[in-house]
Every structure is written in structure tokens, then in C-alpha cells.
Amino acid sequence: MQILFRLLQISFISLLLFQSCGDVDLKPKSKNESKPKLTLEQVSRFSYVAIQHKGPYQDYAELKEQFFDEIRKQRIIPTGSPFIVYYNNPENTPPNDLQWEIGIPIAEGTMIKEPLVLKDWIYEKVAKVKKEEATPVTQNIYPIIFEQVNEKSLTYQGPMAVRVLTNLEEDTSGIFKTEIWIPLASANSHLSE
């Protein structure tokens, strides 16, 4: 039960990742400030269970409740932290056209029933941006990330994911650690400073 409670806490923070938070500007304010650091990493494929949705992120609270009710009812044991996968850019897509899902990794062979769907993260090479901030806002960061992806001549593909890495039960620092994953089709250049 403690694990489910922790997952609910983490998933609540995930909501904050996608909600509009006013005029937050993550672009460097001066030449001395740096852009978020983009790294190229190899990740393992994994299976996950998800609940899919088309519509605004204001629907998140209801969808999250439905998702975790189903996880509990179906006795699914997560193997990692929850995340949100999105299929279009939340910064420039009309809210009713947003396609996204809440997911959580599971052991291979886990059986599920509707409304949950079984999916696989198949993208082994990702451009990753880690953030550590007092607020888990990602608004306005995607143009900066894609600018770096293009500068490095990388080809991206597939949906993007945002993971919350902060262990809310143990970390009392008030700093949210998140990762944004951009799947890559190829890595034609070395990621360097």
C-alpha cells in the first residue's frame, strides 16, 4: 500500500510537468546562463501498462485516479516510477487535440484488462535532459531541447516521455528531479558541450 501511495504522489507531481504555469521562461536569461544539458544515452527496452487519453491535461486528475484504481483492481505490480508519454507537443497543440498517456513499467508477461493497454518502450537511444528545480515545470523547454537536437544533427522519432525521479517519501529537499526523453532514430554526431 505504501508503494501505491508513493506512486500516486509521484504521478501527482507528473501533472505539474504539463500544466501551464503562467509565463515561465526556461530560456537562458543571460549569456552566462546555460541551456539544459542534452545527453545521448542508451536505455533498455521495457514493457509498461498505460491508460491513453485524447484531450487537455486538465483531465489528468480524473485519468490518474482511473489509472491507479485499475492498477489496484488488476493487482499489477509496478517495476518503476510512473511517467507521461505524449504524442504531440503540449506547447503548441490545441488542448482538445493532445494525445497522451499515463504509464508505469511492469514485468514482462504481466496480464492486463481494458481500459489499460500493454505497451513497449522500444526506443533504445534517447536524447535526455535532466532537470533539478524547485518546481517541476517543463513549459517552454521543448524548443530549447529540439534546437540542441537539430544543432547536433540528430534525428528524433516517436513519442516523448517525462519521468519524475524524485523519491517523494525520502527526499525533503524540495528539489524536483525530472528527465525528458526524446527518442532518436540515429545519432549522426557526438553530443558535446
Protein backbone atom coordinates (compact mmCIF):
# COMPACT_ATOMS: atom_id res chain seq x y z
CA MET A 1 0.00 0.00 0.00
CA GLN A 2 2.93 2.35 0.71
CA ILE A 3 4.23 1.73 -2.82
CA LEU A 4 0.87 2.62 -4.33
CA PHE A 5 0.69 5.76 -2.19
CA ARG A 6 4.21 6.77 -3.32
CA LEU A 7 3.25 6.18 -6.94
CA LEU A 8 0.18 8.34 -6.52
CA GLN A 9 2.33 11.11 -5.07
CA ILE A 10 4.80 10.88 -7.95
CA SER A 11 2.05 10.81 -10.53
CA PHE A 12 0.52 13.93 -8.99
CA ILE A 13 3.83 15.71 -9.47
CA SER A 14 3.85 14.49 -13.09
CA LEU A 15 0.68 16.51 -13.64
CA LEU A 16 2.60 19.63 -12.79
CA LEU A 17 5.03 18.83 -15.56
CA PHE A 18 2.42 19.51 -18.18
CA GLN A 19 0.11 22.11 -16.77
CA SER A 20 0.53 25.65 -17.91
CA CYS A 21 2.18 27.70 -15.20
CA GLY A 22 1.89 31.24 -16.48
CA ASP A 23 4.80 32.91 -18.17
CA VAL A 24 7.56 30.60 -17.02
CA ASP A 25 10.59 31.12 -19.23
CA LEU A 26 13.31 28.49 -19.17
CA LYS A 27 15.45 30.13 -21.85
CA PRO A 28 18.80 31.41 -20.66
CA LYS A 29 18.37 34.96 -19.35
CA SER A 30 21.97 35.95 -19.94
CA LYS A 31 24.96 34.71 -21.87
CA ASN A 32 26.38 33.27 -18.64
CA GLU A 33 23.35 31.03 -18.04
CA SER A 34 23.46 27.70 -19.83
CA LYS A 35 20.85 25.72 -21.68
CA PRO A 36 19.60 22.47 -20.18
CA LYS A 37 22.27 19.85 -20.87
CA LEU A 38 21.34 17.32 -23.55
CA THR A 39 22.99 13.91 -23.28
CA LEU A 40 22.81 10.90 -25.55
CA GLU A 41 22.04 7.71 -23.67
CA GLN A 42 21.28 4.08 -24.33
CA VAL A 43 18.20 2.81 -22.45
CA SER A 44 16.82 -0.69 -22.20
CA ARG A 45 13.51 -1.60 -23.79
CA PHE A 46 10.76 -2.20 -21.27
CA SER A 47 7.09 -3.11 -21.07
CA TYR A 48 4.62 -0.78 -19.48
CA VAL A 49 0.93 -0.52 -18.82
CA ALA A 50 -0.81 2.68 -19.80
CA ILE A 51 -4.11 4.45 -19.95
CA GLN A 52 -4.45 6.52 -23.10
CA HIS A 53 -6.20 9.84 -23.49
CA LYS A 54 -7.01 12.50 -26.05
CA GLY A 55 -7.81 15.90 -24.59
CA PRO A 56 -6.48 18.60 -22.28
CA TYR A 57 -4.23 17.98 -19.31
CA GLN A 58 -6.99 19.35 -17.10
CA ASP A 59 -8.33 15.78 -17.42
CA TYR A 60 -5.25 14.46 -15.65
CA ALA A 61 -6.64 14.15 -12.12
CA GLU A 62 -9.59 12.05 -13.27
CA LEU A 63 -7.45 9.92 -15.58
CA LYS A 64 -4.80 9.38 -12.87
CA GLU A 65 -7.48 8.21 -10.44
CA GLN A 66 -8.91 5.81 -13.01
CA PHE A 67 -5.42 4.53 -13.89
CA PHE A 68 -4.38 3.76 -10.32
CA ASP A 69 -7.81 2.27 -9.48
CA GLU A 70 -7.27 -0.16 -12.35
CA ILE A 71 -3.68 -0.89 -11.27
CA ARG A 72 -5.03 -1.78 -7.81
CA LYS A 73 -8.06 -3.76 -9.09
CA GLN A 74 -5.96 -5.75 -11.54
CA ARG A 75 -3.23 -6.32 -8.93
CA ILE A 76 -0.50 -5.04 -11.21
CA ILE A 77 2.90 -4.66 -9.59
CA PRO A 78 4.89 -1.73 -11.00
CA THR A 79 8.63 -2.11 -11.57
CA GLY A 80 9.44 1.59 -11.80
CA SER A 81 8.20 5.14 -11.50
CA PRO A 82 5.19 6.45 -13.42
CA PHE A 83 5.65 8.73 -16.38
CA ILE A 84 3.68 10.55 -19.03
CA VAL A 85 4.18 9.82 -22.71
CA TYR A 86 2.93 12.34 -25.16
CA TYR A 87 2.49 12.11 -28.89
CA ASN A 88 2.29 15.80 -29.76
CA ASN A 89 3.79 18.97 -28.33
CA PRO A 90 1.75 20.30 -25.39
CA GLU A 91 3.09 23.79 -26.03
CA ASN A 92 1.61 24.21 -29.50
CA THR A 93 -1.22 21.66 -29.82
CA PRO A 94 -4.82 22.72 -29.15
CA PRO A 95 -5.78 21.20 -25.77
CA ASN A 96 -8.57 19.00 -27.16
CA ASP A 97 -6.13 17.50 -29.70
CA LEU A 98 -3.45 16.46 -27.19
CA GLN A 99 -2.71 12.74 -27.30
CA TRP A 100 -1.03 11.41 -24.20
CA GLU A 101 -0.97 8.56 -21.72
CA ILE A 102 -0.01 7.79 -18.17
CA GLY A 103 2.22 4.75 -17.92
CA ILE A 104 4.18 2.69 -15.45
CA PRO A 105 6.78 -0.04 -16.12
CA ILE A 106 5.74 -3.61 -15.39
CA ALA A 107 7.32 -7.06 -15.52
CA GLU A 108 7.24 -8.82 -18.87
CA GLY A 109 4.30 -11.21 -19.09
CA THR A 110 2.00 -9.15 -16.85
CA MET A 111 -1.62 -9.67 -17.86
CA ILE A 112 -3.90 -6.63 -18.11
CA LYS A 113 -7.51 -5.83 -18.96
CA GLU A 114 -9.18 -2.80 -20.53
CA PRO A 115 -9.19 0.14 -20.15
CA LEU A 116 -5.45 -0.39 -19.61
CA VAL A 117 -3.25 -1.19 -22.57
CA LEU A 118 0.03 -3.08 -22.65
CA LYS A 119 2.82 -1.23 -24.44
CA ASP A 120 6.54 -1.46 -25.03
CA TRP A 121 9.10 1.32 -24.92
CA ILE A 122 11.16 0.28 -27.94
CA TYR A 123 13.44 3.30 -28.29
CA GLU A 124 16.90 2.37 -27.07
CA LYS A 125 18.69 5.59 -27.93
CA VAL A 126 17.37 8.80 -26.41
CA ALA A 127 18.42 12.39 -26.06
CA LYS A 128 17.87 13.05 -22.38
CA VAL A 129 17.55 16.26 -20.41
CA LYS A 130 17.70 16.08 -16.63
CA LYS A 131 16.31 18.93 -14.60
CA GLU A 132 16.61 19.73 -10.92
CA GLU A 133 14.43 22.66 -9.91
CA ALA A 134 12.18 23.81 -7.11
CA THR A 135 9.22 23.44 -9.46
CA PRO A 136 8.79 20.59 -11.96
CA VAL A 137 7.69 22.83 -14.82
CA THR A 138 8.69 21.89 -18.36
CA GLN A 139 6.85 24.65 -20.17
CA ASN A 140 8.96 26.36 -22.86
CA ILE A 141 11.79 23.82 -22.57
CA TYR A 142 10.93 21.78 -25.68
CA PRO A 143 12.02 24.40 -28.23
CA ILE A 144 15.36 24.62 -26.41
CA ILE A 145 15.75 20.82 -26.46
CA PHE A 146 14.83 20.50 -30.14
CA GLU A 147 17.18 23.35 -31.02
CA GLN A 148 20.01 21.32 -29.49
CA VAL A 149 18.83 18.10 -31.18
CA ASN A 150 18.91 19.88 -34.54
CA GLU A 151 22.28 21.54 -33.82
CA LYS A 152 23.74 18.07 -33.22
CA SER A 153 22.23 16.70 -36.48
CA LEU A 154 20.22 14.08 -34.59
CA THR A 155 17.04 12.57 -36.00
CA TYR A 156 14.25 12.12 -33.49
CA GLN A 157 11.31 9.73 -33.71
CA GLY A 158 8.40 8.51 -31.68
CA PRO A 159 6.71 9.85 -28.57
CA MET A 160 8.50 11.70 -25.79
CA ALA A 161 8.38 10.81 -22.11
CA VAL A 162 8.74 12.76 -18.89
CA ARG A 163 9.75 10.86 -15.77
CA VAL A 164 9.83 12.10 -12.18
CA LEU A 165 12.98 10.82 -10.48
CA THR A 166 12.47 12.37 -7.05
CA ASN A 167 11.61 9.86 -4.34
CA LEU A 168 8.94 11.89 -2.59
CA GLU A 169 8.98 9.71 0.53
CA GLU A 170 12.70 10.15 1.21
CA ASP A 171 13.70 13.44 -0.42
CA THR A 172 12.82 16.50 1.62
CA SER A 173 15.00 18.96 -0.31
CA GLY A 174 12.08 20.43 -2.25
CA ILE A 175 14.02 19.97 -5.50
CA PHE A 176 12.20 18.00 -8.19
CA LYS A 177 14.37 15.80 -10.37
CA THR A 178 12.87 15.04 -13.77
CA GLU A 179 14.01 13.56 -17.07
CA ILE A 180 12.71 14.29 -20.52
CA TRP A 181 13.39 11.56 -23.09
CA ILE A 182 13.46 12.31 -26.83
CA PRO A 183 13.75 9.03 -28.81
CA LEU A 184 16.34 9.12 -31.58
CA ALA A 185 16.28 7.32 -34.93
CA SER A 186 20.01 7.84 -35.35
CA ALA A 187 22.85 9.63 -33.71
CA ASN A 188 24.94 11.05 -36.50
CA SER A 189 27.03 13.30 -34.32
CA HIS A 190 28.62 13.23 -30.93
CA LEU A 191 26.86 15.18 -28.21
CA SER A 192 29.37 17.56 -26.77
CA GLU A 193 29.36 20.84 -24.91
